[in-house]
PDB file of N, CA and C in Angstrom:
ATOM      1  N   MET A   1       0.823  -1.184   0.000  1.00  0.00           N
ATOM      2  CA  MET A   1       0.000   0.000   0.000  1.00  0.00           C
ATOM      3  C   MET A   1       0.872   1.254   0.000  1.00  0.00           C
ATOM      4  N   ALA A   2       2.020   1.200   0.658  1.00  0.00           N
ATOM      5  CA  ALA A   2       2.889   2.377   0.755  1.00  0.00           C
ATOM      6  C   ALA A   2       3.311   2.876  -0.619  1.00  0.00           C
ATOM      7  N   SER A   3       3.623   1.961  -1.532  1.00  0.00           N
ATOM      8  CA  SER A   3       4.060   2.397  -2.858  1.00  0.00           C
ATOM      9  C   SER A   3       2.934   3.075  -3.621  1.00  0.00           C
ATOM     10  N   LEU A   4       1.704   2.612  -3.466  1.00  0.00           N
ATOM     11  CA  LEU A   4       0.561   3.244  -4.122  1.00  0.00           C
ATOM     12  C   LEU A   4       0.343   4.653  -3.597  1.00  0.00           C
ATOM     13  N   VAL A   5       0.318   4.802  -2.280  1.00  0.00           N
ATOM     14  CA  VAL A   5       0.114   6.119  -1.675  1.00  0.00           C
ATOM     15  C   VAL A   5       1.269   7.041  -2.045  1.00  0.00           C
ATOM     16  N   SER A   6       2.477   6.537  -2.025  1.00  0.00           N
ATOM     17  CA  SER A   6       3.648   7.331  -2.373  1.00  0.00           C
ATOM     18  C   SER A   6       3.567   7.825  -3.809  1.00  0.00           C
ATOM     19  N   ALA A   7       3.151   6.967  -4.726  1.00  0.00           N
ATOM     20  CA  ALA A   7       3.030   7.362  -6.131  1.00  0.00           C
ATOM     21  C   ALA A   7       2.014   8.477  -6.317  1.00  0.00           C
ATOM     22  N   ILE A   8       0.948   8.449  -5.551  1.00  0.00           N
ATOM     23  CA  ILE A   8      -0.087   9.476  -5.652  1.00  0.00           C
ATOM     24  C   ILE A   8       0.415  10.809  -5.109  1.00  0.00           C
ATOM     25  N   LEU A   9       1.237  10.773  -4.086  1.00  0.00           N
ATOM     26  CA  LEU A   9       1.620  11.985  -3.368  1.00  0.00           C
ATOM     27  C   LEU A   9       3.031  12.485  -3.656  1.00  0.00           C
ATOM     28  N   THR A  10       3.679  12.005  -4.699  1.00  0.00           N
ATOM     29  CA  THR A  10       5.077  12.358  -4.937  1.00  0.00           C
ATOM     30  C   THR A  10       5.290  13.837  -5.222  1.00  0.00           C
ATOM     31  N   GLN A  11       4.281  14.555  -5.613  1.00  0.00           N
ATOM     32  CA  GLN A  11       4.437  15.972  -5.921  1.00  0.00           C
ATOM     33  C   GLN A  11       4.509  16.846  -4.675  1.00  0.00           C
ATOM     34  N   SER A  12       4.112  16.348  -3.550  1.00  0.00           N
ATOM     35  CA  SER A  12       4.073  17.142  -2.329  1.00  0.00           C
ATOM     36  C   SER A  12       5.317  16.907  -1.491  1.00  0.00           C
ATOM     37  N   ARG A  13       5.971  17.973  -1.108  1.00  0.00           N
ATOM     38  CA  ARG A  13       7.126  17.848  -0.226  1.00  0.00           C
ATOM     39  C   ARG A  13       6.693  17.797   1.235  1.00  0.00           C
ATOM     40  N   GLN A  14       5.420  17.952   1.489  1.00  0.00           N
ATOM     41  CA  GLN A  14       4.918  17.950   2.854  1.00  0.00           C
ATOM     42  C   GLN A  14       4.470  16.566   3.304  1.00  0.00           C
ATOM     43  N   VAL A  15       4.553  15.573   2.410  1.00  0.00           N
ATOM     44  CA  VAL A  15       4.069  14.242   2.724  1.00  0.00           C
ATOM     45  C   VAL A  15       5.240  13.274   2.763  1.00  0.00           C
ATOM     46  N   ARG A  16       5.320  12.504   3.819  1.00  0.00           N
ATOM     47  CA  ARG A  16       6.338  11.470   3.954  1.00  0.00           C
ATOM     48  C   ARG A  16       5.626  10.133   4.114  1.00  0.00           C
ATOM     49  N   ILE A  17       6.086   9.124   3.412  1.00  0.00           N
ATOM     50  CA  ILE A  17       5.535   7.782   3.533  1.00  0.00           C
ATOM     51  C   ILE A  17       6.560   6.930   4.272  1.00  0.00           C
ATOM     52  N   VAL A  18       6.147   6.325   5.375  1.00  0.00           N
ATOM     53  CA  VAL A  18       7.044   5.488   6.162  1.00  0.00           C
ATOM     54  C   VAL A  18       6.350   4.161   6.426  1.00  0.00           C
ATOM     55  N   PRO A  19       6.677   3.136   5.633  1.00  0.00           N
ATOM     56  CA  PRO A  19       6.077   1.819   5.874  1.00  0.00           C
ATOM     57  C   PRO A  19       6.533   1.270   7.221  1.00  0.00           C
ATOM     58  N   ASN A  20       5.620   0.635   7.906  1.00  0.00           N
ATOM     59  CA  ASN A  20       5.908   0.077   9.222  1.00  0.00           C
ATOM     60  C   ASN A  20       5.320  -1.325   9.246  1.00  0.00           C
ATOM     61  N   GLY A  21       6.080  -2.297   8.776  1.00  0.00           N
ATOM     62  CA  GLY A  21       5.524  -3.631   8.611  1.00  0.00           C
ATOM     63  C   GLY A  21       5.688  -4.529   9.816  1.00  0.00           C
ATOM     64  N   GLY A  22       4.638  -5.252  10.112  1.00  0.00           N
ATOM     65  CA  GLY A  22       4.697  -6.278  11.147  1.00  0.00           C
ATOM     66  C   GLY A  22       5.141  -5.758  12.488  1.00  0.00           C
ATOM     67  N   TRP A  23       6.002  -6.514  13.139  1.00  0.00           N
ATOM     68  CA  TRP A  23       6.506  -6.150  14.455  1.00  0.00           C
ATOM     69  C   TRP A  23       7.769  -5.325  14.297  1.00  0.00           C
ATOM     70  N   SER A  24       7.638  -4.063  13.993  1.00  0.00           N
ATOM     71  CA  SER A  24       8.806  -3.190  13.891  1.00  0.00           C
ATOM     72  C   SER A  24       9.441  -3.055  15.270  1.00  0.00           C
ATOM     73  N   SER A  25      10.744  -2.910  15.264  1.00  0.00           N
ATOM     74  CA  SER A  25      11.436  -2.805  16.550  1.00  0.00           C
ATOM     75  C   SER A  25      11.076  -1.494  17.234  1.00  0.00           C
ATOM     76  N   GLU A  26      11.194  -1.505  18.532  1.00  0.00           N
ATOM     77  CA  GLU A  26      10.913  -0.302  19.311  1.00  0.00           C
ATOM     78  C   GLU A  26      11.860   0.830  18.909  1.00  0.00           C
ATOM     79  N   SER A  27      13.122   0.491  18.618  1.00  0.00           N
ATOM     80  CA  SER A  27      14.082   1.529  18.211  1.00  0.00           C
ATOM     81  C   SER A  27      13.695   2.132  16.863  1.00  0.00           C
ATOM     82  N   TYR A  28      13.181   1.320  15.943  1.00  0.00           N
ATOM     83  CA  TYR A  28      12.727   1.825  14.641  1.00  0.00           C
ATOM     84  C   TYR A  28      11.571   2.800  14.830  1.00  0.00           C
ATOM     85  N   ILE A  29      10.633   2.439  15.671  1.00  0.00           N
ATOM     86  CA  ILE A  29       9.482   3.306  15.930  1.00  0.00           C
ATOM     87  C   ILE A  29       9.933   4.598  16.604  1.00  0.00           C
ATOM     88  N   LYS A  30      10.838   4.492  17.578  1.00  0.00           N
ATOM     89  CA  LYS A  30      11.337   5.692  18.250  1.00  0.00           C
ATOM     90  C   LYS A  30      12.079   6.601  17.272  1.00  0.00           C
ATOM     91  N   GLN A  31      12.845   6.026  16.351  1.00  0.00           N
ATOM     92  CA  GLN A  31      13.539   6.826  15.338  1.00  0.00           C
ATOM     93  C   GLN A  31      12.535   7.574  14.472  1.00  0.00           C
ATOM     94  N   ASN A  32      11.451   6.912  14.093  1.00  0.00           N
ATOM     95  CA  ASN A  32      10.420   7.575  13.294  1.00  0.00           C
ATOM     96  C   ASN A  32       9.752   8.699  14.071  1.00  0.00           C
ATOM     97  N   ILE A  33       9.479   8.467  15.341  1.00  0.00           N
ATOM     98  CA  ILE A  33       8.858   9.506  16.166  1.00  0.00           C
ATOM     99  C   ILE A  33       9.790  10.711  16.269  1.00  0.00           C
ATOM    100  N   GLU A  34      11.067  10.476  16.480  1.00  0.00           N
ATOM    101  CA  GLU A  34      12.029  11.586  16.561  1.00  0.00           C
ATOM    102  C   GLU A  34      12.126  12.332  15.234  1.00  0.00           C
ATOM    103  N   ARG A  35      12.086  11.603  14.120  1.00  0.00           N
ATOM    104  CA  ARG A  35      12.114  12.243  12.794  1.00  0.00           C
ATOM    105  C   ARG A  35      10.872  13.112  12.597  1.00  0.00           C
ATOM    106  N   ILE A  36       9.723  12.579  12.982  1.00  0.00           N
ATOM    107  CA  ILE A  36       8.475  13.337  12.868  1.00  0.00           C
ATOM    108  C   ILE A  36       8.546  14.577  13.746  1.00  0.00           C
ATOM    109  N   LYS A  37       9.089  14.418  14.928  1.00  0.00           N
ATOM    110  CA  LYS A  37       9.229  15.551  15.848  1.00  0.00           C
ATOM    111  C   LYS A  37      10.088  16.658  15.226  1.00  0.00           C
ATOM    112  N   ARG A  38      11.197  16.287  14.609  1.00  0.00           N
ATOM    113  CA  ARG A  38      12.067  17.283  13.949  1.00  0.00           C
ATOM    114  C   ARG A  38      11.338  17.974  12.803  1.00  0.00           C
ATOM    115  N   ILE A  39      10.619  17.200  12.014  1.00  0.00           N
ATOM    116  CA  ILE A  39       9.861  17.775  10.891  1.00  0.00           C
ATOM    117  C   ILE A  39       8.778  18.711  11.410  1.00  0.00           C
ATOM    118  N   SER A  40       8.114  18.311  12.501  1.00  0.00           N
ATOM    119  CA  SER A  40       6.999  19.110  13.016  1.00  0.00           C
ATOM    120  C   SER A  40       7.448  20.471  13.523  1.00  0.00           C
ATOM    121  N   LEU A  41       8.708  20.607  13.907  1.00  0.00           N
ATOM    122  CA  LEU A  41       9.216  21.896  14.371  1.00  0.00           C
ATOM    123  C   LEU A  41       9.222  22.931  13.245  1.00  0.00           C
ATOM    124  N   LYS A  42       9.258  22.475  12.002  1.00  0.00           N
ATOM    125  CA  LYS A  42       9.315  23.363  10.841  1.00  0.00           C
ATOM    126  C   LYS A  42       7.928  23.759  10.338  1.00  0.00           C
ATOM    127  N   HIS A  43       6.885  23.162  10.888  1.00  0.00           N
ATOM    128  CA  HIS A  43       5.527  23.390  10.390  1.00  0.00           C
ATOM    129  C   HIS A  43       4.594  23.741  11.542  1.00  0.00           C
ATOM    130  N   ASP A  44       3.551  24.473  11.211  1.00  0.00           N
ATOM    131  CA  ASP A  44       2.573  24.851  12.228  1.00  0.00           C
ATOM    132  C   ASP A  44       1.851  23.635  12.793  1.00  0.00           C
ATOM    133  N   GLU A  45       1.586  22.665  11.908  1.00  0.00           N
ATOM    134  CA  GLU A  45       0.827  21.495  12.337  1.00  0.00           C
ATOM    135  C   GLU A  45       1.344  20.267  11.617  1.00  0.00           C
ATOM    136  N   THR A  46       1.479  19.195  12.352  1.00  0.00           N
ATOM    137  CA  THR A  46       1.893  17.918  11.774  1.00  0.00           C
ATOM    138  C   THR A  46       0.874  16.873  12.177  1.00  0.00           C
ATOM    139  N   THR A  47       0.438  16.099  11.191  1.00  0.00           N
ATOM    140  CA  THR A  47      -0.517  15.037  11.442  1.00  0.00           C
ATOM    141  C   THR A  47       0.014  13.744  10.850  1.00  0.00           C
ATOM    142  N   VAL A  48      -0.038  12.689  11.629  1.00  0.00           N
ATOM    143  CA  VAL A  48       0.324  11.363  11.156  1.00  0.00           C
ATOM    144  C   VAL A  48      -0.976  10.639  10.835  1.00  0.00           C
ATOM    145  N   LEU A  49      -1.089  10.163   9.594  1.00  0.00           N
ATOM    146  CA  LEU A  49      -2.224   9.355   9.174  1.00  0.00           C
ATOM    147  C   LEU A  49      -1.762   7.910   9.145  1.00  0.00           C
ATOM    148  N   TYR A  50      -2.432   7.050   9.874  1.00  0.00           N
ATOM    149  CA  TYR A  50      -2.018   5.652   9.966  1.00  0.00           C
ATOM    150  C   TYR A  50      -2.998   4.766   9.209  1.00  0.00           C
ATOM    151  N   TYR A  51      -2.458   3.988   8.292  1.00  0.00           N
ATOM    152  CA  TYR A  51      -3.233   3.020   7.519  1.00  0.00           C
ATOM    153  C   TYR A  51      -2.723   1.640   7.892  1.00  0.00           C
ATOM    154  N   GLY A  52      -3.580   0.800   8.443  1.00  0.00           N
ATOM    155  CA  GLY A  52      -3.110  -0.517   8.850  1.00  0.00           C
ATOM    156  C   GLY A  52      -4.236  -1.515   9.009  1.00  0.00           C
ATOM    157  N   ASP A  53      -3.833  -2.740   9.258  1.00  0.00           N
ATOM    158  CA  ASP A  53      -4.782  -3.832   9.450  1.00  0.00           C
ATOM    159  C   ASP A  53      -5.583  -3.627  10.731  1.00  0.00           C
ATOM    160  N   TYR A  54      -6.707  -4.310  10.786  1.00  0.00           N
ATOM    161  CA  TYR A  54      -7.515  -4.296  12.004  1.00  0.00           C
ATOM    162  C   TYR A  54      -7.338  -5.656  12.675  1.00  0.00           C
ATOM    163  N   ASP A  55      -6.288  -5.759  13.445  1.00  0.00           N
ATOM    164  CA  ASP A  55      -6.017  -6.980  14.195  1.00  0.00           C
ATOM    165  C   ASP A  55      -5.402  -6.576  15.526  1.00  0.00           C
ATOM    166  N   PRO A  56      -5.283  -7.503  16.463  1.00  0.00           N
ATOM    167  CA  PRO A  56      -4.790  -7.141  17.799  1.00  0.00           C
ATOM    168  C   PRO A  56      -3.431  -6.442  17.778  1.00  0.00           C
ATOM    169  N   THR A  57      -2.506  -6.904  16.934  1.00  0.00           N
ATOM    170  CA  THR A  57      -1.182  -6.286  16.859  1.00  0.00           C
ATOM    171  C   THR A  57      -1.280  -4.846  16.389  1.00  0.00           C
ATOM    172  N   CYS A  58      -2.010  -4.624  15.327  1.00  0.00           N
ATOM    173  CA  CYS A  58      -2.168  -3.266  14.793  1.00  0.00           C
ATOM    174  C   CYS A  58      -2.832  -2.356  15.816  1.00  0.00           C
ATOM    175  N   LEU A  59      -3.847  -2.844  16.476  1.00  0.00           N
ATOM    176  CA  LEU A  59      -4.569  -2.005  17.431  1.00  0.00           C
ATOM    177  C   LEU A  59      -3.676  -1.597  18.600  1.00  0.00           C
ATOM    178  N   ARG A  60      -2.803  -2.507  19.051  1.00  0.00           N
ATOM    179  CA  ARG A  60      -1.844  -2.142  20.106  1.00  0.00           C
ATOM    180  C   ARG A  60      -0.865  -1.096  19.592  1.00  0.00           C
ATOM    181  N   MET A  61      -0.413  -1.274  18.351  1.00  0.00           N
ATOM    182  CA  MET A  61       0.528  -0.326  17.767  1.00  0.00           C
ATOM    183  C   MET A  61      -0.130   1.052  17.618  1.00  0.00           C
ATOM    184  N   VAL A  62      -1.380   1.079  17.173  1.00  0.00           N
ATOM    185  CA  VAL A  62      -2.117   2.336  17.022  1.00  0.00           C
ATOM    186  C   VAL A  62      -2.219   3.045  18.367  1.00  0.00           C
ATOM    187  N   LYS A  63      -2.580   2.311  19.405  1.00  0.00           N
ATOM    188  CA  LYS A  63      -2.717   2.893  20.740  1.00  0.00           C
ATOM    189  C   LYS A  63      -1.396   3.501  21.213  1.00  0.00           C
ATOM    190  N   ASN A  64      -0.300   2.764  21.039  1.00  0.00           N
ATOM    191  CA  ASN A  64       1.006   3.244  21.484  1.00  0.00           C
ATOM    192  C   ASN A  64       1.504   4.424  20.658  1.00  0.00           C
ATOM    193  N   LEU A  65       1.349   4.353  19.341  1.00  0.00           N
ATOM    194  CA  LEU A  65       1.788   5.465  18.490  1.00  0.00           C
ATOM    195  C   LEU A  65       1.003   6.732  18.803  1.00  0.00           C
ATOM    196  N   LYS A  66      -0.297   6.584  18.950  1.00  0.00           N
ATOM    197  CA  LYS A  66      -1.134   7.741  19.251  1.00  0.00           C
ATOM    198  C   LYS A  66      -0.683   8.406  20.547  1.00  0.00           C
ATOM    199  N   ARG A  67      -0.468   7.599  21.585  1.00  0.00           N
ATOM    200  CA  ARG A  67      -0.021   8.126  22.876  1.00  0.00           C
ATOM    201  C   ARG A  67       1.332   8.827  22.734  1.00  0.00           C
ATOM    202  N   ASP A  68       2.296   8.164  22.095  1.00  0.00           N
ATOM    203  CA  ASP A  68       3.643   8.720  21.975  1.00  0.00           C
ATOM    204  C   ASP A  68       3.667  10.005  21.156  1.00  0.00           C
ATOM    205  N   LEU A  69       2.889  10.052  20.088  1.00  0.00           N
ATOM    206  CA  LEU A  69       2.877  11.256  19.247  1.00  0.00           C
ATOM    207  C   LEU A  69       2.124  12.393  19.924  1.00  0.00           C
ATOM    208  N   GLN A  70       1.004  12.097  20.549  1.00  0.00           N
ATOM    209  CA  GLN A  70       0.240  13.154  21.209  1.00  0.00           C
ATOM    210  C   GLN A  70       1.005  13.754  22.378  1.00  0.00           C
ATOM    211  N   GLU A  71       1.862  12.966  23.024  1.00  0.00           N
ATOM    212  CA  GLU A  71       2.718  13.511  24.081  1.00  0.00           C
ATOM    213  C   GLU A  71       3.660  14.576  23.525  1.00  0.00           C
ATOM    214  N   ARG A  72       3.910  14.520  22.229  1.00  0.00           N
ATOM    215  CA  ARG A  72       4.796  15.478  21.566  1.00  0.00           C
ATOM    216  C   ARG A  72       4.006  16.504  20.746  1.00  0.00           C
ATOM    217  N   ASN A  73       2.699  16.606  21.015  1.00  0.00           N
ATOM    218  CA  ASN A  73       1.812  17.550  20.328  1.00  0.00           C
ATOM    219  C   ASN A  73       1.772  17.325  18.824  1.00  0.00           C
ATOM    220  N   ILE A  74       1.817  16.070  18.417  1.00  0.00           N
ATOM    221  CA  ILE A  74       1.694  15.698  17.012  1.00  0.00           C
ATOM    222  C   ILE A  74       0.371  14.955  16.872  1.00  0.00           C
ATOM    223  N   SER A  75      -0.481  15.428  15.962  1.00  0.00           N
ATOM    224  CA  SER A  75      -1.787  14.802  15.770  1.00  0.00           C
ATOM    225  C   SER A  75      -1.629  13.426  15.138  1.00  0.00           C
ATOM    226  N   PHE A  76      -2.500  12.521  15.534  1.00  0.00           N
ATOM    227  CA  PHE A  76      -2.481  11.153  15.022  1.00  0.00           C
ATOM    228  C   PHE A  76      -3.895  10.760  14.662  1.00  0.00           C
ATOM    229  N   GLU A  77      -4.075  10.198  13.467  1.00  0.00           N
ATOM    230  CA  GLU A  77      -5.396   9.744  13.060  1.00  0.00           C
ATOM    231  C   GLU A  77      -5.288   8.357  12.444  1.00  0.00           C
ATOM    232  N   HIS A  78      -6.033   7.437  12.988  1.00  0.00           N
ATOM    233  CA  HIS A  78      -6.117   6.079  12.445  1.00  0.00           C
ATOM    234  C   HIS A  78      -7.153   6.115  11.337  1.00  0.00           C
ATOM    235  N   VAL A  79      -6.677   6.073  10.095  1.00  0.00           N
ATOM    236  CA  VAL A  79      -7.539   6.285   8.931  1.00  0.00           C
ATOM    237  C   VAL A  79      -8.163   4.981   8.443  1.00  0.00           C
ATOM    238  N   ALA A  80      -7.383   3.932   8.337  1.00  0.00           N
ATOM    239  CA  ALA A  80      -7.891   2.669   7.782  1.00  0.00           C
ATOM    240  C   ALA A  80      -7.103   1.531   8.393  1.00  0.00           C
ATOM    241  N   ILE A  81      -7.656   0.473   8.546  1.00  0.00           N
ATOM    242  CA  ILE A  81      -9.057   0.140   8.467  1.00  0.00           C
ATOM    243  C   ILE A  81      -9.601   0.188   9.893  1.00  0.00           C
ATOM    244  N   THR A  82     -10.744   0.783  10.056  1.00  0.00           N
ATOM    245  CA  THR A  82     -11.314   0.989  11.382  1.00  0.00           C
ATOM    246  C   THR A  82     -12.497   0.043  11.607  1.00  0.00           C
ATOM    247  N   LYS A  83     -12.879  -0.098  12.854  1.00  0.00           N
ATOM    248  CA  LYS A  83     -14.023  -0.935  13.194  1.00  0.00           C
ATOM    249  C   LYS A  83     -15.277  -0.451  12.461  1.00  0.00           C
ATOM    250  N   GLU A  84     -15.433   0.847  12.358  1.00  0.00           N
ATOM    251  CA  GLU A  84     -16.591   1.427  11.671  1.00  0.00           C
ATOM    252  C   GLU A  84     -16.586   1.068  10.194  1.00  0.00           C
ATOM    253  N   GLN A  85     -15.411   1.099   9.556  1.00  0.00           N
ATOM    254  CA  GLN A  85     -15.316   0.743   8.143  1.00  0.00           C
ATOM    255  C   GLN A  85     -15.625  -0.736   7.921  1.00  0.00           C
ATOM    256  N   ILE A  86     -15.183  -1.580   8.845  1.00  0.00           N
ATOM    257  CA  ILE A  86     -15.463  -3.011   8.741  1.00  0.00           C
ATOM    258  C   ILE A  86     -16.969  -3.248   8.763  1.00  0.00           C
ATOM    259  N   ALA A  87     -17.668  -2.584   9.675  1.00  0.00           N
ATOM    260  CA  ALA A  87     -19.122  -2.730   9.766  1.00  0.00           C
ATOM    261  C   ALA A  87     -19.807  -2.134   8.536  1.00  0.00           C
ATOM    262  N   GLN A  88     -19.379  -0.948   8.129  1.00  0.00           N
ATOM    263  CA  GLN A  88     -20.004  -0.248   7.004  1.00  0.00           C
ATOM    264  C   GLN A  88     -19.917  -1.045   5.709  1.00  0.00           C
ATOM    265  N   PHE A  89     -18.775  -1.685   5.474  1.00  0.00           N
ATOM    266  CA  PHE A  89     -18.561  -2.371   4.205  1.00  0.00           C
ATOM    267  C   PHE A  89     -18.689  -3.895   4.305  1.00  0.00           C
ATOM    268  N   GLY A  90     -19.172  -4.393   5.445  1.00  0.00           N
ATOM    269  CA  GLY A  90     -19.392  -5.827   5.605  1.00  0.00           C
ATOM    270  C   GLY A  90     -18.124  -6.654   5.506  1.00  0.00           C
ATOM    271  N   LEU A  91     -17.079  -6.220   6.186  1.00  0.00           N
ATOM    272  CA  LEU A  91     -15.774  -6.874   6.087  1.00  0.00           C
ATOM    273  C   LEU A  91     -15.428  -7.724   7.310  1.00  0.00           C
ATOM    274  N   GLU A  92     -16.425  -8.098   8.085  1.00  0.00           N
ATOM    275  CA  GLU A  92     -16.169  -8.845   9.302  1.00  0.00           C
ATOM    276  C   GLU A  92     -15.365 -10.119   9.059  1.00  0.00           C
ATOM    277  N   HIS A  93     -15.506 -10.706   7.890  1.00  0.00           N
ATOM    278  CA  HIS A  93     -14.806 -11.956   7.577  1.00  0.00           C
ATOM    279  C   HIS A  93     -13.295 -11.758   7.449  1.00  0.00           C
ATOM    280  N   LEU A  94     -12.821 -10.520   7.386  1.00  0.00           N
ATOM    281  CA  LEU A  94     -11.398 -10.238   7.247  1.00  0.00           C
ATOM    282  C   LEU A  94     -10.693 -10.033   8.581  1.00  0.00           C
ATOM    283  N   ILE A  95     -11.444  -9.986   9.660  1.00  0.00           N
ATOM    284  CA  ILE A  95     -10.860  -9.705  10.979  1.00  0.00           C
ATOM    285  C   ILE A  95     -10.059 -10.911  11.461  1.00  0.00           C
ATOM    286  N   CYS A  96      -8.823 -10.641  11.826  1.00  0.00           N
ATOM    287  CA  CYS A  96      -7.971 -11.668  12.431  1.00  0.00           C
ATOM    288  C   CYS A  96      -8.301 -11.721  13.910  1.00  0.00           C
ATOM    289  N   ARG A  97      -8.641 -12.860  14.425  1.00  0.00           N
ATOM    290  CA  ARG A  97      -9.051 -12.978  15.824  1.00  0.00           C
ATOM    291  C   ARG A  97      -8.010 -13.692  16.677  1.00  0.00           C
ATOM    292  N   SER A  98      -6.750 -13.548  16.324  1.00  0.00           N
ATOM    293  CA  SER A  98      -5.710 -14.239  17.097  1.00  0.00           C
ATOM    294  C   SER A  98      -5.391 -13.538  18.377  1.00  0.00           C
TER     295      SER A  98
END
């Protein structure tokens, strides 16, 4: 998905695409947060849009990222896929219940 979104947004210098696959290490996530923090100092507002699976691992990651970024006054929005989208589009069969 990252390559598709990146291809659409290549004209904007204000957009960064950072794939975060599977169980990324804590140091990798912290490096990304620090990079976002540095970028946010140059702009009035910085928002992280998160696109990810709806499974227990992703939901824990979303919770932790949101907390860590909001502590640094960086907005965080979980865009896809959300519980509401699963219900709206009848995607319950795709939910991983591990």
